[in-house]
Amino acid sequence: TAPSAVQQALLFRQWSADVTWVQHTAPWPDDEALEQL
């Protein structure tokens, strides 16, 4: 629901190899964020 959800996904990836980011109402990630994900 916010740009910081990308950071949340990257953080939780430390604990699980199975993480999915679902856009819902958040802005679409920029190219750099998409590359990181």
ModelCIF file with pLDDT and N, C-alpha, C, O atoms, coordinates in Angstrom:
data_MODEL
#
_entry.id   MODEL 
#
_entity.id                         1 
_entity.type                       polymer 
_entity.pdbx_number_of_molecules   1 
#
_entity_poly.entity_id                      1 
_entity_poly.type                           'polypeptide(L)' 
_entity_poly.nstd_linkage                   no 
_entity_poly.nstd_monomer                   no 
_entity_poly.pdbx_seq_one_letter_code       TAPSAVQQALLFRQWSADVTWVQHTAPWPDDEALEQL 
_entity_poly.pdbx_seq_one_letter_code_can   TAPSAVQQALLFRQWSADVTWVQHTAPWPDDEALEQL 
_entity_poly.pdbx_strand_id                 A 
#
loop_
_entity_poly_seq.entity_id 
_entity_poly_seq.num 
_entity_poly_seq.mon_id 
_entity_poly_seq.hetero 
1 1  THR n 
1 2  ALA n 
1 3  PRO n 
1 4  SER n 
1 5  ALA n 
1 6  VAL n 
1 7  GLN n 
1 8  GLN n 
1 9  ALA n 
1 10 LEU n 
1 11 LEU n 
1 12 PHE n 
1 13 ARG n 
1 14 GLN n 
1 15 TRP n 
1 16 SER n 
1 17 ALA n 
1 18 ASP n 
1 19 VAL n 
1 20 THR n 
1 21 TRP n 
1 22 VAL n 
1 23 GLN n 
1 24 HIS n 
1 25 THR n 
1 26 ALA n 
1 27 PRO n 
1 28 TRP n 
1 29 PRO n 
1 30 ASP n 
1 31 ASP n 
1 32 GLU n 
1 33 ALA n 
1 34 LEU n 
1 35 GLU n 
1 36 GLN n 
1 37 LEU n 
#
_struct_asym.id          A 
_struct_asym.entity_id   1 
#
loop_
_ma_qa_metric.id 
_ma_qa_metric.mode 
_ma_qa_metric.name 
_ma_qa_metric.software_group_id 
_ma_qa_metric.type 
1 global pLDDT . pLDDT 
2 local  pLDDT . pLDDT 
#
_ma_qa_metric_global.metric_id      1 
_ma_qa_metric_global.metric_value   97.38 
_ma_qa_metric_global.model_id       1 
_ma_qa_metric_global.ordinal_id     1 
#
loop_
_ma_qa_metric_local.label_asym_id 
_ma_qa_metric_local.label_comp_id 
_ma_qa_metric_local.label_seq_id 
_ma_qa_metric_local.metric_id 
_ma_qa_metric_local.metric_value 
_ma_qa_metric_local.model_id 
_ma_qa_metric_local.ordinal_id 
A THR 1  2 97.00 1 1  
A ALA 2  2 95.00 1 2  
A PRO 3  2 95.00 1 3  
A SER 4  2 95.00 1 4  
A ALA 5  2 97.00 1 5  
A VAL 6  2 97.00 1 6  
A GLN 7  2 96.00 1 7  
A GLN 8  2 97.00 1 8  
A ALA 9  2 98.00 1 9  
A LEU 10 2 98.00 1 10 
A LEU 11 2 98.00 1 11 
A PHE 12 2 98.00 1 12 
A ARG 13 2 98.00 1 13 
A GLN 14 2 98.00 1 14 
A TRP 15 2 98.00 1 15 
A SER 16 2 98.00 1 16 
A ALA 17 2 98.00 1 17 
A ASP 18 2 98.00 1 18 
A VAL 19 2 98.00 1 19 
A THR 20 2 98.00 1 20 
A TRP 21 2 98.00 1 21 
A VAL 22 2 98.00 1 22 
A GLN 23 2 98.00 1 23 
A HIS 24 2 98.00 1 24 
A THR 25 2 97.00 1 25 
A ALA 26 2 97.00 1 26 
A PRO 27 2 96.00 1 27 
A TRP 28 2 97.00 1 28 
A PRO 29 2 97.00 1 29 
A ASP 30 2 97.00 1 30 
A ASP 31 2 98.00 1 31 
A GLU 32 2 97.00 1 32 
A ALA 33 2 98.00 1 33 
A LEU 34 2 98.00 1 34 
A GLU 35 2 98.00 1 35 
A GLN 36 2 98.00 1 36 
A LEU 37 2 98.00 1 37 
#
loop_
_atom_site.group_PDB 
_atom_site.id 
_atom_site.type_symbol 
_atom_site.label_atom_id 
_atom_site.label_alt_id 
_atom_site.label_comp_id 
_atom_site.label_asym_id 
_atom_site.label_entity_id 
_atom_site.label_seq_id 
_atom_site.pdbx_PDB_ins_code 
_atom_site.Cartn_x 
_atom_site.Cartn_y 
_atom_site.Cartn_z 
_atom_site.occupancy 
_atom_site.B_iso_or_equiv 
_atom_site.pdbx_formal_charge 
_atom_site.auth_seq_id 
_atom_site.auth_comp_id 
_atom_site.auth_asym_id 
_atom_site.auth_atom_id 
_atom_site.pdbx_PDB_model_num 
ATOM 1   N N  . THR A 1 1  ? 0.817  -1.214  0.000   1.00 97.00 ? 1  THR A N  1 
ATOM 2   C CA . THR A 1 1  ? 0.000  0.000   0.000   1.00 97.00 ? 1  THR A CA 1 
ATOM 3   C C  . THR A 1 1  ? 0.851  1.265   0.000   1.00 97.00 ? 1  THR A C  1 
ATOM 4   O O  . THR A 1 1  ? 0.319  2.374   -0.018  1.00 97.00 ? 1  THR A O  1 
ATOM 5   N N  . ALA A 1 2  ? 2.171  1.099   0.020   1.00 95.00 ? 2  ALA A N  1 
ATOM 6   C CA . ALA A 1 2  ? 3.079  2.240   0.093   1.00 95.00 ? 2  ALA A CA 1 
ATOM 7   C C  . ALA A 1 2  ? 4.392  1.872   -0.582  1.00 95.00 ? 2  ALA A C  1 
ATOM 8   O O  . ALA A 1 2  ? 4.697  0.689   -0.730  1.00 95.00 ? 2  ALA A O  1 
ATOM 9   N N  . PRO A 1 3  ? 5.179  2.872   -0.998  1.00 95.00 ? 3  PRO A N  1 
ATOM 10  C CA . PRO A 1 3  ? 6.476  2.575   -1.612  1.00 95.00 ? 3  PRO A CA 1 
ATOM 11  C C  . PRO A 1 3  ? 7.377  1.722   -0.736  1.00 95.00 ? 3  PRO A C  1 
ATOM 12  O O  . PRO A 1 3  ? 8.161  0.927   -1.254  1.00 95.00 ? 3  PRO A O  1 
ATOM 13  N N  . SER A 1 4  ? 7.283  1.871   0.589   1.00 95.00 ? 4  SER A N  1 
ATOM 14  C CA . SER A 1 4  ? 8.151  1.119   1.502   1.00 95.00 ? 4  SER A CA 1 
ATOM 15  C C  . SER A 1 4  ? 7.856  -0.372  1.501   1.00 95.00 ? 4  SER A C  1 
ATOM 16  O O  . SER A 1 4  ? 8.608  -1.142  2.097   1.00 95.00 ? 4  SER A O  1 
ATOM 17  N N  . ALA A 1 5  ? 6.778  -0.801  0.845   1.00 97.00 ? 5  ALA A N  1 
ATOM 18  C CA . ALA A 1 5  ? 6.483  -2.233  0.770   1.00 97.00 ? 5  ALA A CA 1 
ATOM 19  C C  . ALA A 1 5  ? 7.561  -2.991  -0.001  1.00 97.00 ? 5  ALA A C  1 
ATOM 20  O O  . ALA A 1 5  ? 7.765  -4.182  0.232   1.00 97.00 ? 5  ALA A O  1 
ATOM 21  N N  . VAL A 1 6  ? 8.248  -2.317  -0.910  1.00 97.00 ? 6  VAL A N  1 
ATOM 22  C CA . VAL A 1 6  ? 9.367  -2.957  -1.607  1.00 97.00 ? 6  VAL A CA 1 
ATOM 23  C C  . VAL A 1 6  ? 10.458 -3.300  -0.605  1.00 97.00 ? 6  VAL A C  1 
ATOM 24  O O  . VAL A 1 6  ? 11.006 -4.402  -0.628  1.00 97.00 ? 6  VAL A O  1 
ATOM 25  N N  . GLN A 1 7  ? 10.774 -2.351  0.279   1.00 96.00 ? 7  GLN A N  1 
ATOM 26  C CA . GLN A 1 7  ? 11.782 -2.599  1.318   1.00 96.00 ? 7  GLN A CA 1 
ATOM 27  C C  . GLN A 1 7  ? 11.330 -3.734  2.245   1.00 96.00 ? 7  GLN A C  1 
ATOM 28  O O  . GLN A 1 7  ? 12.142 -4.557  2.667   1.00 96.00 ? 7  GLN A O  1 
ATOM 29  N N  . GLN A 1 8  ? 10.034 -3.772  2.555   1.00 97.00 ? 8  GLN A N  1 
ATOM 30  C CA . GLN A 1 8  ? 9.523  -4.851  3.394   1.00 97.00 ? 8  GLN A CA 1 
ATOM 31  C C  . GLN A 1 8  ? 9.758  -6.212  2.740   1.00 97.00 ? 8  GLN A C  1 
ATOM 32  O O  . GLN A 1 8  ? 10.186 -7.163  3.395   1.00 97.00 ? 8  GLN A O  1 
ATOM 33  N N  . ALA A 1 9  ? 9.470  -6.293  1.431   1.00 98.00 ? 9  ALA A N  1 
ATOM 34  C CA . ALA A 1 9  ? 9.665  -7.552  0.722   1.00 98.00 ? 9  ALA A CA 1 
ATOM 35  C C  . ALA A 1 9  ? 11.132 -7.972  0.747   1.00 98.00 ? 9  ALA A C  1 
ATOM 36  O O  . ALA A 1 9  ? 11.441 -9.142  0.969   1.00 98.00 ? 9  ALA A O  1 
ATOM 37  N N  . LEU A 1 10 ? 12.033 -7.021  0.522   1.00 98.00 ? 10 LEU A N  1 
ATOM 38  C CA . LEU A 1 10 ? 13.457 -7.331  0.516   1.00 98.00 ? 10 LEU A CA 1 
ATOM 39  C C  . LEU A 1 10 ? 13.938 -7.756  1.901   1.00 98.00 ? 10 LEU A C  1 
ATOM 40  O O  . LEU A 1 10 ? 14.808 -8.619  2.018   1.00 98.00 ? 10 LEU A O  1 
ATOM 41  N N  . LEU A 1 11 ? 13.380 -7.156  2.944   1.00 98.00 ? 11 LEU A N  1 
ATOM 42  C CA . LEU A 1 11 ? 13.762 -7.532  4.301   1.00 98.00 ? 11 LEU A CA 1 
ATOM 43  C C  . LEU A 1 11 ? 13.269 -8.931  4.652   1.00 98.00 ? 11 LEU A C  1 
ATOM 44  O O  . LEU A 1 11 ? 14.039 -9.755  5.146   1.00 98.00 ? 11 LEU A O  1 
ATOM 45  N N  . PHE A 1 12 ? 11.984 -9.204  4.398   1.00 98.00 ? 12 PHE A N  1 
ATOM 46  C CA . PHE A 1 12 ? 11.442 -10.510 4.750   1.00 98.00 ? 12 PHE A CA 1 
ATOM 47  C C  . PHE A 1 12 ? 12.074 -11.628 3.924   1.00 98.00 ? 12 PHE A C  1 
ATOM 48  O O  . PHE A 1 12 ? 12.018 -12.795 4.311   1.00 98.00 ? 12 PHE A O  1 
ATOM 49  N N  . ARG A 1 13 ? 12.675 -11.274 2.789   1.00 98.00 ? 13 ARG A N  1 
ATOM 50  C CA . ARG A 1 13 ? 13.368 -12.272 1.975   1.00 98.00 ? 13 ARG A CA 1 
ATOM 51  C C  . ARG A 1 13 ? 14.534 -12.910 2.743   1.00 98.00 ? 13 ARG A C  1 
ATOM 52  O O  . ARG A 1 13 ? 14.977 -14.004 2.392   1.00 98.00 ? 13 ARG A O  1 
ATOM 53  N N  . GLN A 1 14 ? 15.035 -12.234 3.789   1.00 98.00 ? 14 GLN A N  1 
ATOM 54  C CA . GLN A 1 14 ? 16.092 -12.818 4.609   1.00 98.00 ? 14 GLN A CA 1 
ATOM 55  C C  . GLN A 1 14 ? 15.617 -14.061 5.354   1.00 98.00 ? 14 GLN A C  1 
ATOM 56  O O  . GLN A 1 14 ? 16.418 -14.938 5.678   1.00 98.00 ? 14 GLN A O  1 
ATOM 57  N N  . TRP A 1 15 ? 14.318 -14.138 5.625   1.00 98.00 ? 15 TRP A N  1 
ATOM 58  C CA . TRP A 1 15 ? 13.774 -15.238 6.405   1.00 98.00 ? 15 TRP A CA 1 
ATOM 59  C C  . TRP A 1 15 ? 13.083 -16.300 5.543   1.00 98.00 ? 15 TRP A C  1 
ATOM 60  O O  . TRP A 1 15 ? 12.900 -17.436 5.982   1.00 98.00 ? 15 TRP A O  1 
ATOM 61  N N  . SER A 1 16 ? 12.704 -15.933 4.328   1.00 98.00 ? 16 SER A N  1 
ATOM 62  C CA . SER A 1 16 ? 11.999 -16.887 3.474   1.00 98.00 ? 16 SER A CA 1 
ATOM 63  C C  . SER A 1 16 ? 12.418 -16.692 2.022   1.00 98.00 ? 16 SER A C  1 
ATOM 64  O O  . SER A 1 16 ? 12.583 -15.567 1.550   1.00 98.00 ? 16 SER A O  1 
ATOM 65  N N  . ALA A 1 17 ? 12.585 -17.809 1.329   1.00 98.00 ? 17 ALA A N  1 
ATOM 66  C CA . ALA A 1 17 ? 12.920 -17.753 -0.099  1.00 98.00 ? 17 ALA A CA 1 
ATOM 67  C C  . ALA A 1 17 ? 11.671 -17.646 -0.966  1.00 98.00 ? 17 ALA A C  1 
ATOM 68  O O  . ALA A 1 17 ? 11.773 -17.546 -2.189  1.00 98.00 ? 17 ALA A O  1 
ATOM 69  N N  . ASP A 1 18 ? 10.488 -17.666 -0.341  1.00 98.00 ? 18 ASP A N  1 
ATOM 70  C CA . ASP A 1 18 ? 9.216  -17.622 -1.074  1.00 98.00 ? 18 ASP A CA 1 
ATOM 71  C C  . ASP A 1 18 ? 8.439  -16.371 -0.665  1.00 98.00 ? 18 ASP A C  1 
ATOM 72  O O  . ASP A 1 18 ? 7.572  -16.421 0.207   1.00 98.00 ? 18 ASP A O  1 
ATOM 73  N N  . VAL A 1 19 ? 8.766  -15.248 -1.310  1.00 98.00 ? 19 VAL A N  1 
ATOM 74  C CA . VAL A 1 19 ? 8.113  -13.964 -1.023  1.00 98.00 ? 19 VAL A CA 1 
ATOM 75  C C  . VAL A 1 19 ? 7.509  -13.418 -2.309  1.00 98.00 ? 19 VAL A C  1 
ATOM 76  O O  . VAL A 1 19 ? 8.160  -13.403 -3.353  1.00 98.00 ? 19 VAL A O  1 
ATOM 77  N N  . THR A 1 20 ? 6.266  -12.971 -2.226  1.00 98.00 ? 20 THR A N  1 
ATOM 78  C CA . THR A 1 20 ? 5.572  -12.364 -3.373  1.00 98.00 ? 20 THR A CA 1 
ATOM 79  C C  . THR A 1 20 ? 5.148  -10.958 -3.011  1.00 98.00 ? 20 THR A C  1 
ATOM 80  O O  . THR A 1 20 ? 4.554  -10.730 -1.957  1.00 98.00 ? 20 THR A O  1 
ATOM 81  N N  . TRP A 1 21 ? 5.454  -10.011 -3.893  1.00 98.00 ? 21 TRP A N  1 
ATOM 82  C CA . TRP A 1 21 ? 5.034  -8.608  -3.713  1.00 98.00 ? 21 TRP A CA 1 
ATOM 83  C C  . TRP A 1 21 ? 3.787  -8.387  -4.559  1.00 98.00 ? 21 TRP A C  1 
ATOM 84  O O  . TRP A 1 21 ? 3.822  -8.568  -5.777  1.00 98.00 ? 21 TRP A O  1 
ATOM 85  N N  . VAL A 1 22 ? 2.668  -7.990  -3.912  1.00 98.00 ? 22 VAL A N  1 
ATOM 86  C CA . VAL A 1 22 ? 1.400  -7.772  -4.610  1.00 98.00 ? 22 VAL A CA 1 
ATOM 87  C C  . VAL A 1 22 ? 1.069  -6.287  -4.557  1.00 98.00 ? 22 VAL A C  1 
ATOM 88  O O  . VAL A 1 22 ? 0.989  -5.711  -3.473  1.00 98.00 ? 22 VAL A O  1 
ATOM 89  N N  . GLN A 1 23 ? 0.880  -5.672  -5.691  1.00 98.00 ? 23 GLN A N  1 
ATOM 90  C CA . GLN A 1 23 ? 0.816  -4.214  -5.792  1.00 98.00 ? 23 GLN A CA 1 
ATOM 91  C C  . GLN A 1 23 ? -0.308 -3.582  -4.983  1.00 98.00 ? 23 GLN A C  1 
ATOM 92  O O  . GLN A 1 23 ? -0.066 -2.583  -4.305  1.00 98.00 ? 23 GLN A O  1 
ATOM 93  N N  . HIS A 1 24 ? -1.498 -4.103  -5.022  1.00 98.00 ? 24 HIS A N  1 
ATOM 94  C CA . HIS A 1 24 ? -2.686 -3.532  -4.380  1.00 98.00 ? 24 HIS A CA 1 
ATOM 95  C C  . HIS A 1 24 ? -2.796 -2.039  -4.694  1.00 98.00 ? 24 HIS A C  1 
ATOM 96  O O  . HIS A 1 24 ? -3.093 -1.689  -5.836  1.00 98.00 ? 24 HIS A O  1 
ATOM 97  N N  . THR A 1 25 ? -2.565 -1.136  -3.714  1.00 97.00 ? 25 THR A N  1 
ATOM 98  C CA . THR A 1 25 ? -2.702 0.306   -3.970  1.00 97.00 ? 25 THR A CA 1 
ATOM 99  C C  . THR A 1 25 ? -1.360 1.033   -4.011  1.00 97.00 ? 25 THR A C  1 
ATOM 100 O O  . THR A 1 25 ? -1.334 2.258   -4.124  1.00 97.00 ? 25 THR A O  1 
ATOM 101 N N  . ALA A 1 26 ? -0.267 0.319   -3.923  1.00 97.00 ? 26 ALA A N  1 
ATOM 102 C CA . ALA A 1 26 ? 1.055  0.964   -3.937  1.00 97.00 ? 26 ALA A CA 1 
ATOM 103 C C  . ALA A 1 26 ? 1.428  1.391   -5.354  1.00 97.00 ? 26 ALA A C  1 
ATOM 104 O O  . ALA A 1 26 ? 0.942  0.811   -6.324  1.00 97.00 ? 26 ALA A O  1 
ATOM 105 N N  . PRO A 1 27 ? 2.283  2.396   -5.477  1.00 96.00 ? 27 PRO A N  1 
ATOM 106 C CA . PRO A 1 27 ? 2.784  2.740   -6.811  1.00 96.00 ? 27 PRO A CA 1 
ATOM 107 C C  . PRO A 1 27 ? 3.631  1.606   -7.372  1.00 96.00 ? 27 PRO A C  1 
ATOM 108 O O  . PRO A 1 27 ? 4.269  0.864   -6.626  1.00 96.00 ? 27 PRO A O  1 
ATOM 109 N N  . TRP A 1 28 ? 3.626  1.483   -8.695  1.00 97.00 ? 28 TRP A N  1 
ATOM 110 C CA . TRP A 1 28 ? 4.413  0.438   -9.328  1.00 97.00 ? 28 TRP A CA 1 
ATOM 111 C C  . TRP A 1 28 ? 5.899  0.713   -9.090  1.00 97.00 ? 28 TRP A C  1 
ATOM 112 O O  . TRP A 1 28 ? 6.331  1.857   -9.233  1.00 97.00 ? 28 TRP A O  1 
ATOM 113 N N  . PRO A 1 29 ? 6.682  -0.288  -8.736  1.00 97.00 ? 29 PRO A N  1 
ATOM 114 C CA . PRO A 1 29 ? 8.113  -0.060  -8.463  1.00 97.00 ? 29 PRO A CA 1 
ATOM 115 C C  . PRO A 1 29 ? 8.843  0.485   -9.689  1.00 97.00 ? 29 PRO A C  1 
ATOM 116 O O  . PRO A 1 29 ? 8.508  0.157   -10.827 1.00 97.00 ? 29 PRO A O  1 
ATOM 117 N N  . ASP A 1 30 ? 9.846  1.323   -9.431  1.00 97.00 ? 30 ASP A N  1 
ATOM 118 C CA . ASP A 1 30 ? 10.647 1.822   -10.549 1.00 97.00 ? 30 ASP A CA 1 
ATOM 119 C C  . ASP A 1 30 ? 11.595 0.725   -11.024 1.00 97.00 ? 30 ASP A C  1 
ATOM 120 O O  . ASP A 1 30 ? 11.651 -0.360  -10.445 1.00 97.00 ? 30 ASP A O  1 
ATOM 121 N N  . ASP A 1 31 ? 12.329 1.024   -12.077 1.00 98.00 ? 31 ASP A N  1 
ATOM 122 C CA . ASP A 1 31 ? 13.181 -0.002  -12.690 1.00 98.00 ? 31 ASP A CA 1 
ATOM 123 C C  . ASP A 1 31 ? 14.217 -0.544  -11.711 1.00 98.00 ? 31 ASP A C  1 
ATOM 124 O O  . ASP A 1 31 ? 14.492 -1.744  -11.699 1.00 98.00 ? 31 ASP A O  1 
ATOM 125 N N  . GLU A 1 32 ? 14.793 0.335   -10.890 1.00 97.00 ? 32 GLU A N  1 
ATOM 126 C CA . GLU A 1 32 ? 15.798 -0.119  -9.935  1.00 97.00 ? 32 GLU A CA 1 
ATOM 127 C C  . GLU A 1 32 ? 15.198 -1.085  -8.920  1.00 97.00 ? 32 GLU A C  1 
ATOM 128 O O  . GLU A 1 32 ? 15.794 -2.114  -8.601  1.00 97.00 ? 32 GLU A O  1 
ATOM 129 N N  . ALA A 1 33 ? 13.999 -0.740  -8.411  1.00 98.00 ? 33 ALA A N  1 
ATOM 130 C CA . ALA A 1 33 ? 13.340 -1.604  -7.436  1.00 98.00 ? 33 ALA A CA 1 
ATOM 131 C C  . ALA A 1 33 ? 12.958 -2.943  -8.059  1.00 98.00 ? 33 ALA A C  1 
ATOM 132 O O  . ALA A 1 33 ? 13.098 -3.989  -7.424  1.00 98.00 ? 33 ALA A O  1 
ATOM 133 N N  . LEU A 1 34 ? 12.477 -2.913  -9.297  1.00 98.00 ? 34 LEU A N  1 
ATOM 134 C CA . LEU A 1 34 ? 12.122 -4.156  -9.979  1.00 98.00 ? 34 LEU A CA 1 
ATOM 135 C C  . LEU A 1 34 ? 13.349 -5.050  -10.164 1.00 98.00 ? 34 LEU A C  1 
ATOM 136 O O  . LEU A 1 34 ? 13.273 -6.272  -10.033 1.00 98.00 ? 34 LEU A O  1 
ATOM 137 N N  . GLU A 1 35 ? 14.472 -4.415  -10.471 1.00 98.00 ? 35 GLU A N  1 
ATOM 138 C CA . GLU A 1 35 ? 15.705 -5.185  -10.629 1.00 98.00 ? 35 GLU A CA 1 
ATOM 139 C C  . GLU A 1 35 ? 16.103 -5.832  -9.305  1.00 98.00 ? 35 GLU A C  1 
ATOM 140 O O  . GLU A 1 35 ? 16.536 -6.984  -9.275  1.00 98.00 ? 35 GLU A O  1 
ATOM 141 N N  . GLN A 1 36 ? 15.953 -5.080  -8.206  1.00 98.00 ? 36 GLN A N  1 
ATOM 142 C CA . GLN A 1 36 ? 16.309 -5.613  -6.890  1.00 98.00 ? 36 GLN A CA 1 
ATOM 143 C C  . GLN A 1 36 ? 15.398 -6.777  -6.507  1.00 98.00 ? 36 GLN A C  1 
ATOM 144 O O  . GLN A 1 36 ? 15.870 -7.793  -5.996  1.00 98.00 ? 36 GLN A O  1 
ATOM 145 N N  . LEU A 1 37 ? 14.104 -6.635  -6.750  1.00 98.00 ? 37 LEU A N  1 
ATOM 146 C CA . LEU A 1 37 ? 13.163 -7.706  -6.432  1.00 98.00 ? 37 LEU A CA 1 
ATOM 147 C C  . LEU A 1 37 ? 13.470 -8.953  -7.259  1.00 98.00 ? 37 LEU A C  1 
ATOM 148 O O  . LEU A 1 37 ? 12.781 -9.965  -7.130  1.00 98.00 ? 37 LEU A O  1 
#
